């Protein structure tokens, strides 16, 4: 789910690099918020809290890796110009 969120955010980002780099991180956080909201509405937050914590940890890890990769990509593009 985390990798799919990153890929969708990257694909749907506009052509400018600022939007393209921030949208995938937003998609990761949005999925967690939606899942937590649904769990609270259904009074099952105790049953899914471990899954949500693991998702946050994986999302943070993937988001950091994505940010590092994106900074290197942007640095390479600026050196070419």
Protein backbone atom coordinates (compact mmCIF):
# COMPACT_ATOMS: atom_id res chain seq x y z
CA UNK A 1 0.00 0.00 0.00
CA UNK A 2 2.84 2.38 0.82
CA UNK A 3 4.63 1.75 -2.47
CA UNK A 4 1.37 2.04 -4.40
CA UNK A 5 0.68 5.37 -2.69
CA UNK A 6 4.12 6.66 -3.63
CA UNK A 7 3.70 5.53 -7.22
CA UNK A 8 0.25 7.07 -7.58
CA UNK A 9 1.42 10.34 -6.06
CA UNK A 10 4.44 10.44 -8.37
CA UNK A 11 2.30 9.70 -11.43
CA UNK A 12 -0.36 12.27 -10.58
CA UNK A 13 2.08 15.05 -9.70
CA UNK A 14 2.22 17.98 -12.06
CA UNK A 15 5.23 18.68 -14.19
CA UNK A 16 6.81 21.03 -11.63
CA UNK A 17 9.20 19.30 -9.26
CA UNK A 18 7.80 20.85 -6.06
CA UNK A 19 4.35 19.32 -6.51
CA UNK A 20 5.68 16.06 -7.84
CA UNK A 21 7.90 15.56 -4.80
CA UNK A 22 5.35 16.48 -2.11
CA UNK A 23 2.27 14.70 -3.48
CA UNK A 24 3.53 11.12 -2.90
CA UNK A 25 4.33 11.90 0.76
CA UNK A 26 0.84 13.35 1.15
CA UNK A 27 -0.70 10.19 -0.29
CA UNK A 28 1.03 8.04 2.35
CA UNK A 29 -0.28 10.22 5.20
CA UNK A 30 -3.77 10.43 3.73
CA UNK A 31 -4.25 6.66 3.74
CA UNK A 32 -3.31 6.44 7.42
CA UNK A 33 -5.70 9.23 8.37
CA UNK A 34 -8.56 7.66 6.45
CA UNK A 35 -7.97 4.23 7.99
CA UNK A 36 -7.82 5.70 11.50
CA UNK A 37 -11.01 7.68 10.88
CA UNK A 38 -12.88 4.57 9.71
CA UNK A 39 -11.58 2.55 12.68
CA UNK A 40 -12.77 5.21 15.14
CA UNK A 41 -16.18 5.46 13.50
CA UNK A 42 -16.63 1.70 13.77
CA UNK A 43 -15.23 1.50 17.32
CA UNK A 44 -12.54 -1.00 16.30
CA UNK A 45 -9.42 1.11 16.81
CA UNK A 46 -8.03 -1.39 19.37
CA UNK A 47 -8.23 -4.19 16.80
CA UNK A 48 -6.39 -2.35 14.01
CA UNK A 49 -3.93 -0.20 15.95
CA UNK A 50 -0.99 -2.58 15.34
CA UNK A 51 -1.64 -2.56 11.61
CA UNK A 52 -1.81 1.23 11.57
CA UNK A 53 1.43 1.55 13.56
CA UNK A 54 3.23 -0.78 11.15
CA UNK A 55 1.83 1.23 8.23
CA UNK A 56 3.12 4.48 9.74
CA UNK A 57 6.58 3.01 10.30
CA UNK A 58 6.77 1.62 6.77
CA UNK A 59 5.36 4.85 5.38
CA UNK A 60 7.95 6.92 7.20
CA UNK A 61 10.76 4.68 6.02
CA UNK A 62 9.56 4.71 2.41
CA UNK A 63 8.95 8.46 2.55
CA UNK A 64 12.52 9.11 3.73
CA UNK A 65 13.94 6.87 1.01
CA UNK A 66 11.76 8.58 -1.57
CA UNK A 67 12.86 12.02 -0.40
CA UNK A 68 16.54 11.07 -0.59
CA UNK A 69 16.06 9.62 -4.06
CA UNK A 70 14.13 12.68 -5.22
CA UNK A 71 16.78 15.12 -3.91
CA UNK A 72 19.49 13.21 -5.78
CA UNK A 73 17.36 13.18 -8.92
CA UNK A 74 16.76 16.93 -8.71
CA UNK A 75 20.46 17.58 -8.05
CA UNK A 76 21.32 15.57 -11.16
CA UNK A 77 18.83 17.55 -13.23
CA UNK A 78 20.19 20.89 -12.03
CA UNK A 79 23.77 19.86 -12.88
CA UNK A 80 22.73 18.95 -16.41
CA UNK A 81 21.31 22.42 -17.03
